[in-house]
Amino acid sequence: MPMAHVRPFLKQILTDKTFRDKLISTSNAADRAEVLAKYGYEFSDTEFEEGYNATLVGLQFEDDANRLKEFKLMWDMLRRL
C-alpha cells in the first residue's frame, strides 16, 4: 500500500500550504516521517521516485509538471538532512 500513498501525497503537498510548511520545517528524517504518518502517508524513497515519475508522466499541463519538479528539488534537499 505505501506506493499508493505517493500520488495522494504529491497532490496534497502541491495544494495544502499548511501541510507543505510543516514538512519543510522538519530538520531530520524522523521528524519528516512523523509528519507524514500524521497525515497518513508512508513510503520509501524508491516508492516515492516511482510514484513521482508515474505522476509526472501523467500530467497534461506544463505548469503542473513544473510545480511538481520544483517540489521534487525541495524534497531531494530535505532527504539529505
N, C-alpha and C. Protein backbone atom coordinates (compact mmCIF):
# COMPACT_ATOMS: atom_id res chain seq x y z
N MET A 1 0.80 -1.22 0.00
CA MET A 1 0.00 0.00 0.00
C MET A 1 0.84 1.28 0.00
N PRO A 2 2.07 1.27 0.51
CA PRO A 2 2.82 2.53 0.55
C PRO A 2 2.94 3.23 -0.81
N MET A 3 3.14 2.47 -1.90
CA MET A 3 3.25 3.10 -3.22
C MET A 3 1.98 3.88 -3.55
N ALA A 4 0.85 3.38 -3.10
CA ALA A 4 -0.43 4.06 -3.35
C ALA A 4 -0.52 5.38 -2.59
N HIS A 5 0.35 5.59 -1.61
CA HIS A 5 0.35 6.83 -0.84
C HIS A 5 1.04 7.98 -1.57
N VAL A 6 1.87 7.66 -2.54
CA VAL A 6 2.69 8.71 -3.17
C VAL A 6 1.85 9.69 -3.98
N ARG A 7 0.97 9.21 -4.82
CA ARG A 7 0.18 10.14 -5.64
C ARG A 7 -0.70 11.07 -4.81
N PRO A 8 -1.44 10.55 -3.82
CA PRO A 8 -2.21 11.47 -2.97
C PRO A 8 -1.31 12.44 -2.21
N PHE A 9 -0.14 11.96 -1.78
CA PHE A 9 0.82 12.83 -1.10
C PHE A 9 1.24 13.97 -2.01
N LEU A 10 1.59 13.66 -3.25
CA LEU A 10 2.03 14.70 -4.19
C LEU A 10 0.91 15.70 -4.45
N LYS A 11 -0.30 15.21 -4.59
CA LYS A 11 -1.43 16.12 -4.80
C LYS A 11 -1.61 17.04 -3.60
N GLN A 12 -1.56 16.46 -2.40
CA GLN A 12 -1.77 17.28 -1.20
C GLN A 12 -0.62 18.26 -0.99
N ILE A 13 0.60 17.83 -1.23
CA ILE A 13 1.75 18.70 -0.97
C ILE A 13 1.72 19.92 -1.90
N LEU A 14 1.15 19.76 -3.08
CA LEU A 14 1.08 20.88 -4.03
C LEU A 14 -0.11 21.80 -3.78
N THR A 15 -1.09 21.33 -3.00
CA THR A 15 -2.30 22.14 -2.81
C THR A 15 -2.53 22.58 -1.37
N ASP A 16 -1.85 21.97 -0.42
CA ASP A 16 -2.08 22.25 1.00
C ASP A 16 -0.86 22.93 1.61
N LYS A 17 -0.92 24.25 1.72
CA LYS A 17 0.23 25.03 2.21
C LYS A 17 0.59 24.67 3.65
N THR A 18 -0.38 24.43 4.49
CA THR A 18 -0.11 24.07 5.89
C THR A 18 0.70 22.78 5.96
N PHE A 19 0.27 21.79 5.22
CA PHE A 19 0.99 20.51 5.18
C PHE A 19 2.40 20.71 4.64
N ARG A 20 2.51 21.43 3.55
CA ARG A 20 3.82 21.68 2.93
C ARG A 20 4.75 22.40 3.90
N ASP A 21 4.23 23.42 4.59
CA ASP A 21 5.05 24.17 5.55
C ASP A 21 5.52 23.29 6.70
N LYS A 22 4.64 22.42 7.20
CA LYS A 22 5.03 21.51 8.28
C LYS A 22 6.15 20.58 7.82
N LEU A 23 6.03 20.08 6.62
CA LEU A 23 7.03 19.16 6.10
C LEU A 23 8.36 19.87 5.87
N ILE A 24 8.31 21.05 5.31
CA ILE A 24 9.53 21.81 5.02
C ILE A 24 10.25 22.20 6.31
N SER A 25 9.51 22.43 7.37
CA SER A 25 10.11 22.88 8.62
C SER A 25 10.80 21.77 9.40
N THR A 26 10.69 20.52 8.95
CA THR A 26 11.34 19.43 9.66
C THR A 26 12.85 19.51 9.48
N SER A 27 13.58 19.01 10.48
CA SER A 27 15.04 19.12 10.43
C SER A 27 15.74 17.78 10.26
N ASN A 28 14.97 16.69 10.25
CA ASN A 28 15.59 15.38 10.06
C ASN A 28 14.56 14.36 9.57
N ALA A 29 15.05 13.19 9.20
CA ALA A 29 14.20 12.16 8.62
C ALA A 29 13.12 11.68 9.59
N ALA A 30 13.47 11.58 10.87
CA ALA A 30 12.49 11.12 11.86
C ALA A 30 11.32 12.09 11.98
N ASP A 31 11.62 13.39 11.98
CA ASP A 31 10.56 14.40 12.04
C ASP A 31 9.69 14.36 10.79
N ARG A 32 10.32 14.18 9.63
CA ARG A 32 9.56 14.08 8.37
C ARG A 32 8.63 12.87 8.41
N ALA A 33 9.15 11.73 8.86
CA ALA A 33 8.34 10.51 8.94
C ALA A 33 7.16 10.72 9.88
N GLU A 34 7.38 11.46 10.96
CA GLU A 34 6.30 11.73 11.91
C GLU A 34 5.20 12.58 11.28
N VAL A 35 5.59 13.62 10.54
CA VAL A 35 4.61 14.47 9.86
C VAL A 35 3.86 13.65 8.81
N LEU A 36 4.60 12.87 8.02
CA LEU A 36 3.96 12.04 7.00
C LEU A 36 2.96 11.07 7.63
N ALA A 37 3.37 10.43 8.72
CA ALA A 37 2.48 9.47 9.39
C ALA A 37 1.24 10.15 9.94
N LYS A 38 1.41 11.36 10.46
CA LYS A 38 0.26 12.11 10.99
C LYS A 38 -0.79 12.34 9.91
N TYR A 39 -0.33 12.52 8.67
CA TYR A 39 -1.24 12.74 7.55
C TYR A 39 -1.61 11.44 6.83
N GLY A 40 -1.11 10.31 7.34
CA GLY A 40 -1.49 9.01 6.78
C GLY A 40 -0.63 8.53 5.63
N TYR A 41 0.56 9.06 5.49
CA TYR A 41 1.44 8.67 4.39
C TYR A 41 2.63 7.86 4.89
N GLU A 42 2.97 6.84 4.12
CA GLU A 42 4.15 6.03 4.41
C GLU A 42 4.65 5.47 3.09
N PHE A 43 5.90 5.76 2.76
CA PHE A 43 6.50 5.22 1.55
C PHE A 43 8.02 5.35 1.65
N SER A 44 8.70 4.48 0.92
CA SER A 44 10.16 4.51 0.89
C SER A 44 10.63 5.51 -0.16
N ASP A 45 11.93 5.78 -0.17
CA ASP A 45 12.48 6.67 -1.20
C ASP A 45 12.26 6.09 -2.60
N THR A 46 12.41 4.78 -2.72
CA THR A 46 12.20 4.13 -4.02
C THR A 46 10.75 4.26 -4.46
N GLU A 47 9.83 4.04 -3.54
CA GLU A 47 8.41 4.18 -3.86
C GLU A 47 8.08 5.63 -4.23
N PHE A 48 8.70 6.58 -3.53
CA PHE A 48 8.48 7.98 -3.87
C PHE A 48 8.93 8.24 -5.30
N GLU A 49 10.13 7.79 -5.66
CA GLU A 49 10.66 8.03 -7.01
C GLU A 49 9.74 7.42 -8.07
N GLU A 50 9.28 6.20 -7.84
CA GLU A 50 8.38 5.55 -8.80
C GLU A 50 7.07 6.32 -8.92
N GLY A 51 6.50 6.72 -7.80
CA GLY A 51 5.25 7.47 -7.81
C GLY A 51 5.41 8.84 -8.44
N TYR A 52 6.53 9.50 -8.14
CA TYR A 52 6.82 10.81 -8.73
C TYR A 52 6.90 10.69 -10.25
N ASN A 53 7.68 9.72 -10.73
CA ASN A 53 7.84 9.56 -12.18
C ASN A 53 6.52 9.23 -12.86
N ALA A 54 5.73 8.35 -12.25
CA ALA A 54 4.43 7.99 -12.83
C ALA A 54 3.50 9.20 -12.86
N THR A 55 3.53 10.00 -11.81
CA THR A 55 2.69 11.19 -11.74
C THR A 55 3.13 12.22 -12.77
N LEU A 56 4.42 12.43 -12.86
CA LEU A 56 4.96 13.42 -13.80
C LEU A 56 4.59 13.08 -15.24
N VAL A 57 4.71 11.82 -15.60
CA VAL A 57 4.38 11.38 -16.96
C VAL A 57 2.90 11.60 -17.26
N GLY A 58 2.05 11.48 -16.25
CA GLY A 58 0.61 11.59 -16.45
C GLY A 58 0.06 13.01 -16.46
N LEU A 59 0.89 14.00 -16.16
CA LEU A 59 0.39 15.37 -16.13
C LEU A 59 0.17 15.92 -17.53
N GLN A 60 -0.90 16.67 -17.70
CA GLN A 60 -1.25 17.19 -19.02
C GLN A 60 -0.72 18.58 -19.27
N PHE A 61 -0.46 19.33 -18.21
CA PHE A 61 -0.09 20.73 -18.38
C PHE A 61 1.33 20.99 -17.89
N GLU A 62 2.04 21.79 -18.65
CA GLU A 62 3.43 22.10 -18.34
C GLU A 62 3.57 22.79 -16.98
N ASP A 63 2.64 23.67 -16.64
CA ASP A 63 2.71 24.36 -15.34
C ASP A 63 2.63 23.37 -14.18
N ASP A 64 1.76 22.37 -14.31
CA ASP A 64 1.66 21.35 -13.27
C ASP A 64 2.96 20.56 -13.15
N ALA A 65 3.53 20.22 -14.29
CA ALA A 65 4.80 19.48 -14.29
C ALA A 65 5.91 20.32 -13.66
N ASN A 66 5.95 21.60 -13.96
CA ASN A 66 6.98 22.47 -13.39
C ASN A 66 6.83 22.59 -11.88
N ARG A 67 5.60 22.71 -11.39
CA ARG A 67 5.38 22.78 -9.93
C ARG A 67 5.83 21.49 -9.26
N LEU A 68 5.53 20.36 -9.89
CA LEU A 68 5.94 19.08 -9.33
C LEU A 68 7.46 18.94 -9.33
N LYS A 69 8.10 19.38 -10.39
CA LYS A 69 9.57 19.33 -10.46
C LYS A 69 10.20 20.23 -9.39
N GLU A 70 9.62 21.40 -9.17
CA GLU A 70 10.12 22.29 -8.12
C GLU A 70 10.01 21.63 -6.75
N PHE A 71 8.88 20.99 -6.50
CA PHE A 71 8.73 20.29 -5.22
C PHE A 71 9.76 19.18 -5.11
N LYS A 72 10.00 18.46 -6.19
CA LYS A 72 10.97 17.35 -6.17
C LYS A 72 12.35 17.84 -5.77
N LEU A 73 12.76 19.00 -6.27
CA LEU A 73 14.06 19.56 -5.88
C LEU A 73 14.10 19.82 -4.38
N MET A 74 13.03 20.40 -3.85
CA MET A 74 12.95 20.67 -2.42
C MET A 74 12.96 19.36 -1.63
N TRP A 75 12.21 18.38 -2.08
CA TRP A 75 12.14 17.09 -1.41
C TRP A 75 13.51 16.42 -1.37
N ASP A 76 14.23 16.48 -2.48
CA ASP A 76 15.58 15.89 -2.51
C ASP A 76 16.50 16.57 -1.51
N MET A 77 16.39 17.88 -1.37
CA MET A 77 17.20 18.59 -0.37
C MET A 77 16.80 18.17 1.04
N LEU A 78 15.51 18.05 1.30
CA LEU A 78 15.05 17.62 2.63
C LEU A 78 15.56 16.23 2.98
N ARG A 79 15.57 15.35 2.01
CA ARG A 79 16.01 13.97 2.28
C ARG A 79 17.49 13.91 2.64
N ARG A 80 18.25 14.91 2.28
CA ARG A 80 19.68 14.92 2.61
C ARG A 80 19.93 15.36 4.05
N LEU A 81 18.93 15.92 4.71
CA LEU A 81 19.10 16.37 6.10
C LEU A 81 19.13 15.20 7.06
